[in-house]
Amino acid sequence: RVENTTNRQVTFCKRRNGLLKKAYEL
């Protein structure tokens, strides 16, 4: 389903952003 793919992309983006924030803080 298209919704599932979009949701997965959003989750991936959020997770990547969180990792970038952690790396930036370090």
N, C-alpha and C. Protein backbone atom coordinates (compact mmCIF):
# COMPACT_ATOMS: atom_id res chain seq x y z
N ARG A 1 0.83 -1.20 0.00
CA ARG A 1 0.00 0.00 0.00
C ARG A 1 0.87 1.25 0.00
N VAL A 2 0.36 2.26 -0.66
CA VAL A 2 1.12 3.52 -0.73
C VAL A 2 1.26 4.12 0.67
N GLU A 3 0.20 4.03 1.45
CA GLU A 3 0.24 4.61 2.80
C GLU A 3 1.38 3.99 3.61
N ASN A 4 1.51 2.67 3.51
CA ASN A 4 2.55 1.99 4.28
C ASN A 4 3.93 2.49 3.87
N THR A 5 4.14 2.63 2.58
CA THR A 5 5.45 3.10 2.10
C THR A 5 5.73 4.51 2.61
N THR A 6 4.73 5.38 2.53
CA THR A 6 4.93 6.76 2.99
C THR A 6 5.22 6.76 4.49
N ASN A 7 4.44 5.97 5.24
CA ASN A 7 4.64 5.92 6.69
C ASN A 7 6.06 5.45 7.00
N ARG A 8 6.51 4.44 6.25
CA ARG A 8 7.85 3.91 6.49
C ARG A 8 8.90 4.99 6.21
N GLN A 9 8.68 5.75 5.14
CA GLN A 9 9.63 6.82 4.79
C GLN A 9 9.67 7.87 5.89
N VAL A 10 8.49 8.23 6.40
CA VAL A 10 8.44 9.25 7.46
C VAL A 10 9.18 8.75 8.69
N THR A 11 8.93 7.48 9.06
CA THR A 11 9.60 6.92 10.24
C THR A 11 11.11 6.92 10.03
N PHE A 12 11.54 6.55 8.82
CA PHE A 12 12.98 6.52 8.53
C PHE A 12 13.56 7.92 8.66
N CYS A 13 12.83 8.91 8.14
CA CYS A 13 13.31 10.30 8.20
C CYS A 13 13.44 10.73 9.66
N LYS A 14 12.42 10.43 10.46
CA LYS A 14 12.45 10.82 11.87
C LYS A 14 13.63 10.15 12.57
N ARG A 15 13.80 8.84 12.30
CA ARG A 15 14.88 8.11 12.96
C ARG A 15 16.23 8.70 12.55
N ARG A 16 16.37 9.01 11.24
CA ARG A 16 17.64 9.56 10.76
C ARG A 16 17.88 10.93 11.41
N ASN A 17 16.82 11.72 11.52
CA ASN A 17 16.96 13.05 12.13
C ASN A 17 17.41 12.90 13.59
N GLY A 18 16.84 11.92 14.29
CA GLY A 18 17.21 11.70 15.69
C GLY A 18 18.68 11.32 15.79
N LEU A 19 19.13 10.46 14.87
CA LEU A 19 20.54 10.05 14.90
C LEU A 19 21.43 11.25 14.63
N LEU A 20 21.03 12.10 13.69
CA LEU A 20 21.83 13.29 13.37
C LEU A 20 21.89 14.21 14.58
N LYS A 21 20.78 14.35 15.29
CA LYS A 21 20.76 15.22 16.47
C LYS A 21 21.71 14.66 17.52
N LYS A 22 21.66 13.34 17.74
CA LYS A 22 22.55 12.72 18.73
C LYS A 22 24.00 12.95 18.34
N ALA A 23 24.32 12.72 17.07
CA ALA A 23 25.70 12.90 16.60
C ALA A 23 26.10 14.37 16.77
N TYR A 24 25.17 15.28 16.50
CA TYR A 24 25.49 16.71 16.61
C TYR A 24 25.77 17.07 18.07
N GLU A 25 24.97 16.50 18.99
CA GLU A 25 25.17 16.78 20.42
C GLU A 25 26.53 16.25 20.87
N LEU A 26 26.91 15.10 20.35
CA LEU A 26 28.20 14.52 20.74
C LEU A 26 29.32 15.38 20.15
